């Protein structure tokens, strides 16, 4: 199995451009199933999860043409529903959590679908109830085969309905919205996720002929239409990559400019890093992070210890807490990292402790980081990436550490970060992909 060999402790410099947004890509790729007309999508990242979904769409019968430069054309005019009954489909869909979002388009266009229990990161329990409760509210009937972890859904007569989601699930909202686009009547979704990628999906669907209002809020109204047509859509820059590069620049004392960062869509991500004392400046849509030999964690106004926690949008995305935690290890001061949304995302801190970080894992959701103020640099070790986001956080830690680190299970990192080793080398990083 391939691994990264990283020799850290050296500053980087230069420009880097974030890839297209992974999470948006998974949503809008599934939306191509809603029409028989061509849909062209630009800025698609070349990463494992996205490529697997494209392969799955192709196996379903979608005609796919790579136009070059991250641009692809999709024509779903000859879908083969029988593929959903095959072993190949079961295996592919089960390996990719994003595959669950093919359900909404298939249900509203063809009236039925089935899917195995999706896979993905091992970061704790991730319910699918929101998806299925939403489909049921629209009139779908579903069945779960506990012996084979397989869901079957009959949606031959979807009708609009009012629903209050039990949680503001991003993929759940996207799936229900897509199912509602051609359901009869009006669907109202309260407590809908409203992050930029859901907004992007809704705007794309409206360009295809859907009637969605309330975009950007947690109250969406979808008036069903008879059919949807083709369109062209461009993905936003990946906000998780932007945050990762901010953290990378700070902890490695590097002078880095993030080009075309999509600043207006970043929400409180930049301010969350500023709480760690990290300086940055905006130049148009670029973010410049100067080399920082010192950064100090802020305290609350009353002097109490800073807490950084995740929350649904417009709160801080949980996908960046791992990076923020790593960056805090070399700050001056103490910060409590509170991971509220997933059960197992903080367990990777044992690797950081082995590297010399001072971290107290309070429980599965909270970790106290005591900044070393660069007085005791992290040291290189051999470690394994447990999931996408922890994997890149460990990579950032390795780039700042003295000595050589080896990071195993980098397939996890490749699921979410496009050619990350090549792009980091262009900044001066000493990183090698070793084929095992």
Protein backbone atom coordinates (compact mmCIF):
# COMPACT_ATOMS: atom_id res chain seq x y z
CA UNK A 1 0.00 0.00 0.00
CA UNK A 2 1.26 3.48 -0.89
CA UNK A 3 2.45 5.90 1.78
CA UNK A 4 3.87 9.40 2.06
CA UNK A 5 7.41 9.95 3.27
CA UNK A 6 7.71 13.51 4.52
CA UNK A 7 10.75 15.37 5.79
CA UNK A 8 9.47 18.40 7.64
CA UNK A 9 10.76 21.45 9.41
CA UNK A 10 11.25 23.63 6.35
CA UNK A 11 9.25 26.71 5.32
CA UNK A 12 7.31 26.64 2.07
CA UNK A 13 6.51 29.47 -0.30
CA UNK A 14 4.51 30.24 -3.40
CA UNK A 15 0.99 30.21 -4.75
CA UNK A 16 -1.52 27.39 -4.56
CA UNK A 17 -5.02 27.16 -6.02
CA UNK A 18 -7.73 25.15 -4.25
CA UNK A 19 -9.45 22.38 -6.16
CA UNK A 20 -13.14 22.38 -6.95
CA UNK A 21 -15.28 21.60 -3.92
CA UNK A 22 -15.50 17.88 -3.23
CA UNK A 23 -18.79 18.00 -1.35
CA UNK A 24 -20.45 20.18 -3.97
CA UNK A 25 -19.21 17.88 -6.72
CA UNK A 26 -20.89 14.85 -5.14
CA UNK A 27 -24.21 16.71 -4.99
CA UNK A 28 -24.28 18.21 -8.48
CA UNK A 29 -22.97 15.05 -10.17
CA UNK A 30 -25.97 13.19 -8.78
CA UNK A 31 -28.22 15.98 -10.08
CA UNK A 32 -27.21 15.12 -13.65
CA UNK A 33 -29.58 12.14 -13.31
CA UNK A 34 -32.56 14.50 -13.19
CA UNK A 35 -32.61 15.21 -16.92
CA UNK A 36 -32.04 13.49 -20.25
CA UNK A 37 -30.38 16.63 -21.61
CA UNK A 38 -26.64 17.40 -21.46
CA UNK A 39 -25.23 18.87 -18.25
CA UNK A 40 -21.72 20.35 -18.29
CA UNK A 41 -19.86 20.81 -15.02
CA UNK A 42 -16.58 22.73 -14.66
CA UNK A 43 -13.86 22.63 -11.99
CA UNK A 44 -14.49 19.00 -10.98
CA UNK A 45 -11.63 17.81 -8.74
CA UNK A 46 -9.62 14.75 -9.76
CA UNK A 47 -10.03 12.86 -6.49
CA UNK A 48 -10.93 9.30 -5.61
CA UNK A 49 -14.44 9.84 -4.23
CA UNK A 50 -15.53 11.99 -7.17
CA UNK A 51 -14.01 9.64 -9.72
CA UNK A 52 -15.80 6.70 -8.12
CA UNK A 53 -19.11 8.51 -8.37
CA UNK A 54 -18.46 9.33 -12.03
CA UNK A 55 -17.74 5.63 -12.65
CA UNK A 56 -20.98 4.71 -10.90
CA UNK A 57 -22.97 7.15 -13.06
CA UNK A 58 -21.35 5.66 -16.15
CA UNK A 59 -22.33 2.15 -15.08
CA UNK A 60 -25.91 3.40 -14.61
CA UNK A 61 -25.96 4.39 -18.26
CA UNK A 62 -24.98 8.06 -18.13
CA UNK A 63 -22.96 9.08 -21.19
CA UNK A 64 -19.88 10.86 -19.89
CA UNK A 65 -17.35 12.93 -21.80
CA UNK A 66 -14.22 14.43 -20.27
CA UNK A 67 -13.71 17.84 -21.84
CA UNK A 68 -10.39 18.58 -20.13
CA UNK A 69 -9.27 20.93 -17.40
CA UNK A 70 -11.75 19.61 -14.85
CA UNK A 71 -14.73 19.99 -17.22
CA UNK A 72 -17.08 17.07 -17.95
CA UNK A 73 -20.33 16.58 -19.87
CA UNK A 74 -23.04 14.20 -18.65
CA UNK A 75 -26.07 12.93 -20.60
CA UNK A 76 -28.46 10.71 -18.62
CA UNK A 77 -30.79 9.83 -21.51
CA UNK A 78 -30.50 6.06 -21.31
CA UNK A 79 -30.45 4.98 -17.66
CA UNK A 80 -30.49 1.25 -16.96
CA UNK A 81 -32.52 0.66 -13.76
CA UNK A 82 -31.59 -3.04 -13.79
CA UNK A 83 -28.01 -2.09 -12.91
CA UNK A 84 -29.29 -1.29 -9.42
CA UNK A 85 -29.89 -5.00 -8.91
CA UNK A 86 -26.34 -6.10 -9.72
CA UNK A 87 -23.54 -7.12 -7.39
CA UNK A 88 -21.22 -4.61 -9.07
CA UNK A 89 -23.57 -1.78 -8.11
CA UNK A 90 -23.84 -3.04 -4.56
CA UNK A 91 -20.06 -3.08 -4.17
CA UNK A 92 -19.46 0.34 -5.77
CA UNK A 93 -22.26 2.13 -3.97
CA UNK A 94 -21.31 0.63 -0.61
CA UNK A 95 -17.75 1.99 -0.94
CA UNK A 96 -18.86 5.59 -1.41
CA UNK A 97 -21.07 7.45 1.03
CA UNK A 98 -21.92 10.12 -1.52
CA UNK A 99 -23.70 7.49 -3.59
CA UNK A 100 -26.75 7.93 -1.35
CA UNK A 101 -27.53 11.14 -3.24
CA UNK A 102 -28.40 9.29 -6.44
CA UNK A 103 -31.62 8.26 -4.68
CA UNK A 104 -33.44 11.60 -4.86
CA UNK A 105 -32.93 12.02 -8.63
CA UNK A 106 -33.77 8.39 -9.39
CA UNK A 107 -36.91 8.46 -7.26
CA UNK A 108 -38.37 11.65 -8.72
CA UNK A 109 -37.51 10.73 -12.31
CA UNK A 110 -38.06 6.96 -12.37
CA UNK A 111 -40.21 6.28 -9.30
CA UNK A 112 -37.97 3.72 -7.63
CA UNK A 113 -34.42 3.06 -6.49
CA UNK A 114 -32.33 0.91 -4.21
CA UNK A 115 -28.97 1.27 -2.56
CA UNK A 116 -26.71 -0.58 -0.13
CA UNK A 117 -25.73 1.06 3.13
CA UNK A 118 -23.09 3.58 1.96
CA UNK A 119 -19.51 3.56 3.20
CA UNK A 120 -17.10 6.46 3.78
CA UNK A 121 -15.00 7.68 6.68
CA UNK A 122 -14.85 5.78 9.95
CA UNK A 123 -15.70 8.80 12.08
CA UNK A 124 -18.62 7.46 14.08
CA UNK A 125 -22.28 6.85 13.44
CA UNK A 126 -23.66 8.79 10.47
CA UNK A 127 -27.42 8.33 10.20
CA UNK A 128 -29.36 8.18 6.97
CA UNK A 129 -32.71 8.66 8.73
CA UNK A 130 -33.07 12.26 7.51
CA UNK A 131 -32.92 11.13 3.88
CA UNK A 132 -35.50 8.42 4.27
CA UNK A 133 -37.88 10.34 6.52
CA UNK A 134 -37.84 13.09 3.89
CA UNK A 135 -38.58 10.62 1.09
CA UNK A 136 -41.37 9.12 3.16
CA UNK A 137 -42.85 12.58 3.73
CA UNK A 138 -43.01 12.92 -0.04
CA UNK A 139 -44.95 9.67 -0.27
CA UNK A 140 -42.20 7.12 -0.86
CA UNK A 141 -42.30 3.67 0.69
CA UNK A 142 -39.01 2.11 1.71
CA UNK A 143 -37.68 -1.12 3.10
CA UNK A 144 -34.36 -1.98 4.76
CA UNK A 145 -32.94 -5.49 4.46
CA UNK A 146 -31.01 -5.85 7.75
CA UNK A 147 -29.30 -9.03 6.61
CA UNK A 148 -27.75 -7.45 3.52
CA UNK A 149 -27.69 -3.76 4.57
CA UNK A 150 -29.80 -2.86 1.53
CA UNK A 151 -32.45 -0.16 1.07
CA UNK A 152 -35.28 -0.40 -1.50
CA UNK A 153 -37.60 2.54 -2.18
CA UNK A 154 -40.85 2.84 -4.14
CA UNK A 155 -41.68 6.44 -5.09
CA UNK A 156 -44.19 6.01 -7.91
CA UNK A 157 -46.36 8.90 -6.64
CA UNK A 158 -44.27 11.59 -4.97
CA UNK A 159 -46.28 14.53 -3.65
CA UNK A 160 -45.09 17.78 -2.13
CA UNK A 161 -45.30 18.11 1.64
CA UNK A 162 -44.24 20.26 4.58
CA UNK A 163 -41.43 18.77 6.64
CA UNK A 164 -39.27 19.80 9.57
CA UNK A 165 -35.95 17.96 9.28
CA UNK A 166 -34.77 16.20 12.44
CA UNK A 167 -31.27 17.52 11.69
CA UNK A 168 -29.88 20.01 9.18
CA UNK A 169 -28.17 17.28 7.19
CA UNK A 170 -26.31 18.59 4.14
CA UNK A 171 -26.63 15.44 2.05
CA UNK A 172 -30.13 14.83 3.43
CA UNK A 173 -31.24 18.32 2.36
CA UNK A 174 -29.67 17.90 -1.07
CA UNK A 175 -31.30 14.52 -1.58
CA UNK A 176 -34.76 15.68 -0.52
CA UNK A 177 -34.53 18.83 -2.62
CA UNK A 178 -33.67 16.80 -5.71
CA UNK A 179 -36.52 14.38 -5.03
CA UNK A 180 -38.95 17.28 -4.60
CA UNK A 181 -38.07 19.06 -7.87
CA UNK A 182 -40.51 16.95 -9.90
CA UNK A 183 -42.88 15.85 -7.13
CA UNK A 184 -46.47 17.04 -7.57
CA UNK A 185 -47.31 20.14 -5.57
CA UNK A 186 -45.23 22.21 -3.19
CA UNK A 187 -42.60 20.95 -0.76
CA UNK A 188 -41.49 23.05 2.20
CA UNK A 189 -38.30 22.01 4.02
CA UNK A 190 -37.68 23.66 7.40
CA UNK A 191 -34.34 23.24 9.22
CA UNK A 192 -32.73 22.69 5.83
CA UNK A 193 -28.95 22.82 5.57
CA UNK A 194 -27.95 26.13 3.97
CA UNK A 195 -24.20 25.83 3.41
CA UNK A 196 -22.79 27.23 0.14
CA UNK A 197 -22.73 23.85 -1.61
CA UNK A 198 -26.45 23.32 -1.01
CA UNK A 199 -27.02 26.84 -2.30
CA UNK A 200 -24.99 25.99 -5.38
CA UNK A 201 -27.04 22.84 -5.99
CA UNK A 202 -30.31 24.78 -5.69
CA UNK A 203 -29.12 27.47 -8.10
CA UNK A 204 -28.05 24.79 -10.57
CA UNK A 205 -31.45 23.08 -10.29
CA UNK A 206 -33.22 26.41 -10.90
CA UNK A 207 -31.15 26.87 -14.06
CA UNK A 208 -32.39 23.41 -15.08
CA UNK A 209 -35.99 24.58 -14.69
CA UNK A 210 -36.72 23.79 -11.03
CA UNK A 211 -38.65 26.25 -8.87
CA UNK A 212 -36.78 26.60 -5.57
CA UNK A 213 -37.01 29.64 -3.30
CA UNK A 214 -35.46 30.47 0.06
CA UNK A 215 -31.95 29.61 -1.15
CA UNK A 216 -29.37 30.49 1.51
CA UNK A 217 -31.86 30.12 4.36
CA UNK A 218 -33.00 27.14 6.41
CA UNK A 219 -36.48 27.30 4.90
CA UNK A 220 -36.68 26.03 1.33
CA UNK A 221 -39.80 25.93 -0.83
CA UNK A 222 -39.84 23.71 -3.91
CA UNK A 223 -42.70 23.83 -6.37
CA UNK A 224 -42.69 20.66 -8.43
CA UNK A 225 -42.26 20.89 -12.20
CA UNK A 226 -42.92 18.38 -14.98
CA UNK A 227 -39.32 18.00 -16.14
CA UNK A 228 -35.84 19.50 -15.99
CA UNK A 229 -33.44 20.37 -18.79
CA UNK A 230 -29.69 20.63 -19.24
CA UNK A 231 -27.38 23.36 -17.96
CA UNK A 232 -23.79 24.39 -17.31
CA UNK A 233 -22.42 24.72 -13.78
CA UNK A 234 -19.07 25.64 -12.18
CA UNK A 235 -18.03 24.33 -8.77
CA UNK A 236 -16.86 26.66 -6.01
CA UNK A 237 -13.31 26.39 -4.63
CA UNK A 238 -13.10 23.78 -1.88
CA UNK A 239 -13.40 25.62 1.44
CA UNK A 240 -11.79 22.71 3.30
CA UNK A 241 -8.69 22.96 1.13
CA UNK A 242 -8.58 26.72 1.68
CA UNK A 243 -8.68 26.22 5.45
CA UNK A 244 -6.10 23.43 5.24
CA UNK A 245 -3.70 25.69 3.34
CA UNK A 246 -4.16 28.52 5.86
CA UNK A 247 -3.23 26.09 8.64
CA UNK A 248 -0.34 24.65 6.63
CA UNK A 249 1.15 28.09 6.04
CA UNK A 250 0.92 29.07 9.70
CA UNK A 251 2.39 25.97 11.30
CA UNK A 252 5.25 25.65 8.78
CA UNK A 253 6.14 29.38 9.01
CA UNK A 254 5.51 29.71 5.28
CA UNK A 255 4.63 32.58 2.99
CA UNK A 256 1.78 31.25 0.87
CA UNK A 257 -0.88 32.85 -1.29
CA UNK A 258 -4.09 30.92 -1.87
CA UNK A 259 -5.34 31.94 -5.30
CA UNK A 260 -9.03 32.23 -6.20
CA UNK A 261 -10.08 31.21 -2.70
CA UNK A 262 -13.78 32.03 -3.00
CA UNK A 263 -13.56 34.32 0.03
CA UNK A 264 -17.25 35.31 0.01
CA UNK A 265 -18.22 31.65 0.52
CA UNK A 266 -15.83 30.85 3.40
CA UNK A 267 -18.08 32.01 6.23
CA UNK A 268 -16.26 32.07 9.58
CA UNK A 269 -13.37 29.84 8.46
CA UNK A 270 -10.81 32.69 8.25
CA UNK A 271 -11.95 34.16 11.57
CA UNK A 272 -11.61 30.74 13.21
CA UNK A 273 -7.93 30.68 12.27
CA UNK A 274 -7.55 34.28 13.40
CA UNK A 275 -8.64 33.09 16.87
CA UNK A 276 -5.37 31.14 16.92
CA UNK A 277 -3.48 34.36 16.17
CA UNK A 278 -2.94 33.64 12.49
CA UNK A 279 -2.57 36.71 10.27
CA UNK A 280 -3.82 36.88 6.69
CA UNK A 281 -4.75 39.50 4.17
CA UNK A 282 -7.11 39.53 1.22
CA UNK A 283 -5.97 40.62 -2.23
CA UNK A 284 -9.04 40.48 -4.40
CA UNK A 285 -10.14 36.85 -4.15
CA UNK A 286 -6.69 35.68 -3.01
CA UNK A 287 -5.63 35.07 0.59
CA UNK A 288 -2.03 35.85 1.51
CA UNK A 289 -0.67 34.22 4.68
CA UNK A 290 2.72 35.72 5.58
CA UNK A 291 5.41 33.68 7.29
CA UNK A 292 4.59 33.69 11.01
CA UNK A 293 7.20 32.65 13.53
CA UNK A 294 4.77 33.26 16.37
CA UNK A 295 0.99 33.15 16.81
CA UNK A 296 -0.97 33.34 20.04
CA UNK A 297 -4.40 31.92 20.82
CA UNK A 298 -6.95 34.52 21.79
CA UNK A 299 -8.98 34.25 24.97
CA UNK A 300 -12.62 35.14 25.42
CA UNK A 301 -13.38 38.69 26.57
CA UNK A 302 -13.57 37.58 30.21
CA UNK A 303 -10.14 35.94 29.93
CA UNK A 304 -11.40 32.35 29.85
CA UNK A 305 -9.86 29.69 27.61
CA UNK A 306 -10.79 29.86 23.94
CA UNK A 307 -13.14 27.14 22.67
CA UNK A 308 -13.40 26.35 18.97
CA UNK A 309 -16.27 24.07 18.03
CA UNK A 310 -18.06 22.91 14.92
CA UNK A 311 -21.66 23.71 14.04
CA UNK A 312 -24.05 23.58 11.12
CA UNK A 313 -23.59 26.39 8.58
CA UNK A 314 -22.98 29.25 9.07
CA UNK A 315 -20.99 27.77 11.94
CA UNK A 316 -17.56 26.21 11.49
CA UNK A 317 -17.47 23.08 9.35
CA UNK A 318 -16.41 19.98 11.31
CA UNK A 319 -14.10 19.05 8.44
CA UNK A 320 -11.56 21.68 9.57
CA UNK A 321 -11.38 20.96 13.29
CA UNK A 322 -8.61 18.39 12.77
CA UNK A 323 -6.47 20.97 10.98
CA UNK A 324 -7.19 23.67 13.57
CA UNK A 325 -6.22 21.25 16.34
CA UNK A 326 -2.86 20.50 14.68
CA UNK A 327 -2.12 24.19 14.11
CA UNK A 328 -2.90 24.94 17.77
CA UNK A 329 -0.13 22.60 18.93
CA UNK A 330 2.50 25.18 17.95
CA UNK A 331 0.61 28.29 19.07
CA UNK A 332 1.16 30.10 22.33
CA UNK A 333 -1.77 29.47 24.63
CA UNK A 334 -4.45 26.89 25.26
CA UNK A 335 -7.58 26.05 23.30
CA UNK A 336 -10.41 23.57 23.78
CA UNK A 337 -11.43 21.83 20.55
CA UNK A 338 -15.03 20.63 20.75
CA UNK A 339 -16.10 18.24 17.99
CA UNK A 340 -19.86 18.10 18.44
CA UNK A 341 -21.07 16.52 15.22
CA UNK A 342 -19.11 13.25 14.97
CA UNK A 343 -18.17 10.68 17.55
CA UNK A 344 -14.70 9.51 16.55
CA UNK A 345 -12.95 12.34 14.74
CA UNK A 346 -10.62 13.25 17.62
CA UNK A 347 -9.12 9.82 18.15
CA UNK A 348 -6.25 10.66 15.77
CA UNK A 349 -4.69 12.88 18.46
CA UNK A 350 -2.76 9.89 19.81
CA UNK A 351 -0.48 10.25 16.78
CA UNK A 352 0.08 13.92 17.57
CA UNK A 353 0.88 13.07 21.18
CA UNK A 354 3.46 10.58 19.89
CA UNK A 355 4.92 13.46 17.84
CA UNK A 356 5.34 15.48 21.05
CA UNK A 357 2.14 17.55 21.12
CA UNK A 358 0.60 18.40 24.48
CA UNK A 359 -3.02 17.36 24.12
CA UNK A 360 -5.52 16.08 26.66
CA UNK A 361 -8.30 14.02 25.08
CA UNK A 362 -11.10 14.78 27.48
CA UNK A 363 -13.65 12.50 25.83
CA UNK A 364 -14.57 11.47 22.24
CA UNK A 365 -15.78 15.01 21.53
CA UNK A 366 -13.33 17.32 23.32
CA UNK A 367 -9.58 17.82 23.33
CA UNK A 368 -7.56 20.47 25.15
CA UNK A 369 -4.48 21.61 23.23
CA UNK A 370 -1.67 23.26 25.17
CA UNK A 371 0.35 25.22 22.62
CA UNK A 372 4.09 24.62 22.61
CA UNK A 373 4.89 28.10 21.24
CA UNK A 374 7.42 26.39 18.92
CA UNK A 375 9.72 25.71 21.88
CA UNK A 376 9.33 21.98 21.37
CA UNK A 377 8.86 21.16 17.67
CA UNK A 378 6.88 18.10 16.69
CA UNK A 379 9.00 15.10 15.70
CA UNK A 380 8.57 12.83 12.73
CA UNK A 381 7.01 9.38 13.30
CA UNK A 382 5.32 6.57 11.38
CA UNK A 383 1.53 6.86 11.49
CA UNK A 384 -1.68 5.85 9.73
CA UNK A 385 -4.35 8.14 8.29
CA UNK A 386 -7.76 7.22 9.78
CA UNK A 387 -9.94 9.41 7.52
CA UNK A 388 -9.69 12.17 4.91
CA UNK A 389 -9.56 15.19 7.19
CA UNK A 390 -7.43 13.68 9.95
CA UNK A 391 -5.14 12.39 7.20
CA UNK A 392 -4.40 15.83 5.82
CA UNK A 393 -4.07 17.20 9.36
CA UNK A 394 -1.39 14.60 10.05
CA UNK A 395 0.27 15.51 6.77
CA UNK A 396 0.37 19.16 7.86
CA UNK A 397 1.82 18.09 11.21
CA UNK A 398 4.50 16.05 9.42
CA UNK A 399 5.47 19.01 7.23
CA UNK A 400 6.08 21.08 10.37
CA UNK A 401 7.88 18.35 12.31
CA UNK A 402 11.61 17.81 12.68
CA UNK A 403 12.81 14.66 10.97
CA UNK A 404 11.03 12.23 8.69
CA UNK A 405 7.48 10.95 8.97
CA UNK A 406 5.73 8.17 7.11
CA UNK A 407 1.95 8.38 6.64
CA UNK A 408 0.18 5.15 5.74
CA UNK A 409 -3.31 4.61 4.32
CA UNK A 410 -3.00 7.65 2.08
CA UNK A 411 -5.84 6.36 -0.07
CA UNK A 412 -7.98 8.16 2.49
CA UNK A 413 -6.24 11.46 1.74
CA UNK A 414 -6.52 10.84 -2.02
CA UNK A 415 -10.29 10.56 -1.58
CA UNK A 416 -10.51 14.27 -0.85
CA UNK A 417 -7.33 16.07 -1.96
CA UNK A 418 -6.30 16.32 -5.59
CA UNK A 419 -2.65 15.43 -6.31
CA UNK A 420 -1.76 16.83 -2.90
CA UNK A 421 1.86 15.63 -2.94
CA UNK A 422 2.56 17.20 -6.33
CA UNK A 423 0.99 20.51 -5.33
CA UNK A 424 2.90 20.63 -2.05
CA UNK A 425 6.17 19.86 -3.83
CA UNK A 426 5.56 22.94 -5.97
CA UNK A 427 5.66 24.95 -2.72
CA UNK A 428 8.96 23.37 -1.73
CA UNK A 429 7.74 20.52 0.46
CA UNK A 430 9.92 17.41 0.82
CA UNK A 431 7.22 14.80 0.24
CA UNK A 432 7.47 11.52 -1.63
CA UNK A 433 4.74 9.09 -2.57
CA UNK A 434 6.17 5.61 -2.02
CA UNK A 435 4.39 2.76 -3.75
CA UNK A 436 4.09 -0.12 -1.30
